[in-house]
Amino acid sequence: MAGVVFYEPGDVHCFGVPTAVEPGNLFAIPHGDLIRYARNNQLEILEVLADDIKERMETAIAACTTIVPTRKRKLIAINNERI
């Protein structure tokens, strides 16, 4: 599926149903909120995605027809940052 990162059930333990991660249909979670949730023990990491997630996400961003080119470049730059 062009423009999405798709997981079949069982590809990733936390995705028990077919799951499409759509970079053109994301909503922002402010960093401060994530910090607050983590400090309040309200944030749980269910699973770390496979090593190829950055490559797959970049491919999906590039193929997405709903993201304007300037936004694509910004998303790909963010995707390629080291964490």
N, C-alpha and C. Protein backbone atom coordinates (compact mmCIF):
# COMPACT_ATOMS: atom_id res chain seq x y z
N MET A 1 0.84 -1.18 0.00
CA MET A 1 0.00 0.00 0.00
C MET A 1 0.89 1.24 0.00
N ALA A 2 0.84 2.00 -1.06
CA ALA A 2 1.65 3.21 -1.16
C ALA A 2 1.19 4.25 -0.16
N GLY A 3 2.15 4.91 0.46
CA GLY A 3 1.84 6.00 1.37
C GLY A 3 1.56 5.58 2.80
N VAL A 4 1.70 4.29 3.13
CA VAL A 4 1.49 3.82 4.50
C VAL A 4 2.57 2.80 4.86
N VAL A 5 2.76 2.63 6.16
CA VAL A 5 3.56 1.52 6.67
C VAL A 5 2.53 0.54 7.21
N PHE A 6 2.48 -0.64 6.62
CA PHE A 6 1.43 -1.60 6.94
C PHE A 6 2.00 -2.78 7.72
N TYR A 7 1.29 -3.17 8.77
CA TYR A 7 1.67 -4.33 9.57
C TYR A 7 0.51 -5.33 9.58
N GLU A 8 0.83 -6.57 9.30
CA GLU A 8 -0.14 -7.66 9.44
C GLU A 8 -0.22 -8.04 10.92
N PRO A 9 -1.33 -8.64 11.34
CA PRO A 9 -1.42 -9.09 12.73
C PRO A 9 -0.25 -10.01 13.06
N GLY A 10 0.39 -9.75 14.17
CA GLY A 10 1.51 -10.58 14.59
C GLY A 10 2.87 -10.12 14.10
N ASP A 11 2.92 -9.22 13.06
CA ASP A 11 4.21 -8.68 12.64
C ASP A 11 4.88 -7.97 13.81
N VAL A 12 4.06 -7.28 14.58
CA VAL A 12 4.49 -6.59 15.78
C VAL A 12 3.50 -7.00 16.86
N HIS A 13 4.00 -7.43 18.00
CA HIS A 13 3.14 -7.96 19.05
C HIS A 13 1.99 -7.02 19.42
N CYS A 14 2.24 -5.72 19.47
CA CYS A 14 1.21 -4.79 19.93
C CYS A 14 0.15 -4.52 18.88
N PHE A 15 0.33 -4.96 17.64
CA PHE A 15 -0.67 -4.80 16.59
C PHE A 15 -1.33 -6.15 16.33
N GLY A 16 -2.46 -6.39 16.98
CA GLY A 16 -3.16 -7.67 16.85
C GLY A 16 -4.11 -7.72 15.67
N VAL A 17 -4.29 -6.58 15.01
CA VAL A 17 -5.16 -6.50 13.84
C VAL A 17 -4.36 -5.82 12.72
N PRO A 18 -4.79 -5.94 11.46
CA PRO A 18 -4.08 -5.22 10.39
C PRO A 18 -4.00 -3.73 10.75
N THR A 19 -2.80 -3.18 10.66
CA THR A 19 -2.58 -1.80 11.09
C THR A 19 -1.81 -1.03 10.04
N ALA A 20 -2.35 0.12 9.65
CA ALA A 20 -1.69 1.01 8.70
C ALA A 20 -1.27 2.28 9.43
N VAL A 21 0.02 2.59 9.39
CA VAL A 21 0.52 3.83 9.94
C VAL A 21 0.60 4.80 8.77
N GLU A 22 -0.22 5.84 8.82
CA GLU A 22 -0.33 6.77 7.71
C GLU A 22 0.35 8.09 8.05
N PRO A 23 1.51 8.38 7.47
CA PRO A 23 2.21 9.63 7.79
C PRO A 23 1.42 10.87 7.38
N GLY A 24 0.49 10.74 6.46
CA GLY A 24 -0.34 11.87 6.04
C GLY A 24 -1.54 12.08 6.95
N ASN A 25 -1.73 11.21 7.93
CA ASN A 25 -2.90 11.28 8.81
C ASN A 25 -2.45 11.15 10.27
N LEU A 26 -1.43 11.91 10.63
CA LEU A 26 -0.90 11.86 11.99
C LEU A 26 -1.40 13.05 12.78
N PHE A 27 -1.42 12.92 14.08
CA PHE A 27 -1.72 14.06 14.93
C PHE A 27 -0.57 14.23 15.90
N ALA A 28 -0.26 15.46 16.19
CA ALA A 28 0.89 15.78 17.04
C ALA A 28 0.55 15.58 18.51
N ILE A 29 1.49 15.02 19.23
CA ILE A 29 1.41 14.94 20.69
C ILE A 29 2.56 15.81 21.20
N PRO A 30 2.24 16.91 21.86
CA PRO A 30 3.31 17.80 22.34
C PRO A 30 4.31 17.06 23.24
N HIS A 31 5.58 17.38 23.06
CA HIS A 31 6.65 16.74 23.82
C HIS A 31 6.41 16.88 25.32
N GLY A 32 5.95 18.04 25.75
CA GLY A 32 5.67 18.26 27.17
C GLY A 32 4.64 17.29 27.71
N ASP A 33 3.65 16.96 26.89
CA ASP A 33 2.63 15.99 27.30
C ASP A 33 3.26 14.61 27.51
N LEU A 34 4.14 14.22 26.59
CA LEU A 34 4.80 12.92 26.72
C LEU A 34 5.64 12.86 27.99
N ILE A 35 6.36 13.93 28.29
CA ILE A 35 7.16 13.99 29.51
C ILE A 35 6.25 13.87 30.74
N ARG A 36 5.15 14.62 30.75
CA ARG A 36 4.22 14.58 31.89
C ARG A 36 3.62 13.18 32.05
N TYR A 37 3.20 12.56 30.96
CA TYR A 37 2.63 11.21 31.05
C TYR A 37 3.67 10.22 31.58
N ALA A 38 4.90 10.34 31.11
CA ALA A 38 5.96 9.44 31.56
C ALA A 38 6.23 9.63 33.06
N ARG A 39 6.29 10.87 33.48
CA ARG A 39 6.54 11.14 34.91
C ARG A 39 5.41 10.64 35.80
N ASN A 40 4.19 10.63 35.26
CA ASN A 40 3.03 10.16 36.02
C ASN A 40 2.77 8.67 35.81
N ASN A 41 3.74 7.98 35.20
CA ASN A 41 3.59 6.54 34.90
C ASN A 41 2.32 6.25 34.11
N GLN A 42 1.98 7.16 33.18
CA GLN A 42 0.80 6.99 32.34
C GLN A 42 1.20 6.69 30.89
N LEU A 43 2.47 6.49 30.66
CA LEU A 43 2.97 6.23 29.32
C LEU A 43 3.65 4.87 29.33
N GLU A 44 3.26 4.03 28.41
CA GLU A 44 3.83 2.68 28.36
C GLU A 44 4.31 2.40 26.94
N ILE A 45 5.53 1.96 26.80
CA ILE A 45 6.05 1.54 25.51
C ILE A 45 5.68 0.07 25.35
N LEU A 46 4.81 -0.20 24.40
CA LEU A 46 4.33 -1.57 24.21
C LEU A 46 5.35 -2.43 23.49
N GLU A 47 6.03 -1.82 22.53
CA GLU A 47 7.03 -2.57 21.77
C GLU A 47 7.84 -1.59 20.93
N VAL A 48 9.09 -1.90 20.72
CA VAL A 48 9.93 -1.11 19.83
C VAL A 48 9.78 -1.69 18.44
N LEU A 49 9.51 -0.83 17.47
CA LEU A 49 9.31 -1.31 16.10
C LEU A 49 10.64 -1.77 15.50
N ALA A 50 10.56 -2.55 14.44
CA ALA A 50 11.73 -3.13 13.79
C ALA A 50 12.69 -2.06 13.29
N ASP A 51 13.93 -2.46 13.09
CA ASP A 51 14.97 -1.54 12.65
C ASP A 51 14.66 -0.86 11.33
N ASP A 52 13.80 -1.46 10.52
CA ASP A 52 13.51 -0.90 9.20
C ASP A 52 12.40 0.15 9.22
N ILE A 53 11.90 0.54 10.40
CA ILE A 53 10.77 1.47 10.46
C ILE A 53 11.12 2.82 9.85
N LYS A 54 12.34 3.31 10.05
CA LYS A 54 12.70 4.61 9.48
C LYS A 54 12.68 4.56 7.96
N GLU A 55 13.23 3.50 7.39
CA GLU A 55 13.24 3.35 5.93
C GLU A 55 11.82 3.21 5.40
N ARG A 56 11.03 2.39 6.07
CA ARG A 56 9.64 2.19 5.63
C ARG A 56 8.83 3.47 5.76
N MET A 57 9.07 4.25 6.83
CA MET A 57 8.34 5.50 7.01
C MET A 57 8.74 6.52 5.95
N GLU A 58 10.04 6.59 5.64
CA GLU A 58 10.48 7.52 4.59
C GLU A 58 9.85 7.16 3.25
N THR A 59 9.80 5.89 2.93
CA THR A 59 9.17 5.44 1.68
C THR A 59 7.69 5.83 1.67
N ALA A 60 7.01 5.63 2.80
CA ALA A 60 5.59 5.97 2.90
C ALA A 60 5.37 7.47 2.76
N ILE A 61 6.22 8.27 3.40
CA ILE A 61 6.10 9.73 3.31
C ILE A 61 6.27 10.16 1.86
N ALA A 62 7.30 9.64 1.20
CA ALA A 62 7.57 10.01 -0.20
C ALA A 62 6.42 9.63 -1.12
N ALA A 63 5.75 8.52 -0.84
CA ALA A 63 4.67 8.04 -1.71
C ALA A 63 3.31 8.64 -1.37
N CYS A 64 3.20 9.30 -0.23
CA CYS A 64 1.91 9.83 0.22
C CYS A 64 1.47 10.98 -0.69
N THR A 65 0.25 10.90 -1.17
CA THR A 65 -0.26 11.93 -2.08
C THR A 65 -0.96 13.07 -1.35
N THR A 66 -1.13 12.97 -0.04
CA THR A 66 -1.84 14.01 0.70
C THR A 66 -0.91 14.96 1.44
N ILE A 67 0.39 14.71 1.41
CA ILE A 67 1.35 15.58 2.07
C ILE A 67 2.02 16.46 1.02
N VAL A 68 2.02 17.77 1.27
CA VAL A 68 2.65 18.70 0.32
C VAL A 68 4.17 18.52 0.37
N PRO A 69 4.86 18.83 -0.74
CA PRO A 69 6.31 18.58 -0.81
C PRO A 69 7.13 19.21 0.31
N THR A 70 6.82 20.44 0.72
CA THR A 70 7.61 21.06 1.79
C THR A 70 7.43 20.29 3.09
N ARG A 71 6.22 19.82 3.37
CA ARG A 71 5.97 19.04 4.58
C ARG A 71 6.67 17.69 4.50
N LYS A 72 6.69 17.08 3.29
CA LYS A 72 7.40 15.81 3.11
C LYS A 72 8.86 15.95 3.48
N ARG A 73 9.49 17.02 2.99
CA ARG A 73 10.92 17.23 3.29
C ARG A 73 11.14 17.37 4.79
N LYS A 74 10.27 18.10 5.47
CA LYS A 74 10.40 18.28 6.92
C LYS A 74 10.22 16.96 7.65
N LEU A 75 9.21 16.18 7.26
CA LEU A 75 8.97 14.89 7.91
C LEU A 75 10.13 13.92 7.70
N ILE A 76 10.66 13.89 6.48
CA ILE A 76 11.79 13.00 6.20
C ILE A 76 13.01 13.43 7.00
N ALA A 77 13.24 14.74 7.14
CA ALA A 77 14.36 15.22 7.94
C ALA A 77 14.19 14.80 9.40
N ILE A 78 12.99 14.95 9.93
CA ILE A 78 12.72 14.54 11.32
C ILE A 78 12.91 13.04 11.46
N ASN A 79 12.40 12.30 10.49
CA ASN A 79 12.52 10.83 10.51
C ASN A 79 13.97 10.38 10.55
N ASN A 80 14.84 11.14 9.90
CA ASN A 80 16.25 10.75 9.82
C ASN A 80 17.11 11.24 10.99
N GLU A 81 16.51 12.01 11.90
CA GLU A 81 17.27 12.47 13.07
C GLU A 81 17.58 11.28 13.96
N ARG A 82 18.71 11.34 14.60
CA ARG A 82 19.08 10.31 15.58
C ARG A 82 18.37 10.59 16.88
N ILE A 83 17.90 9.54 17.51
CA ILE A 83 17.20 9.70 18.79
C ILE A 83 18.14 9.33 19.90
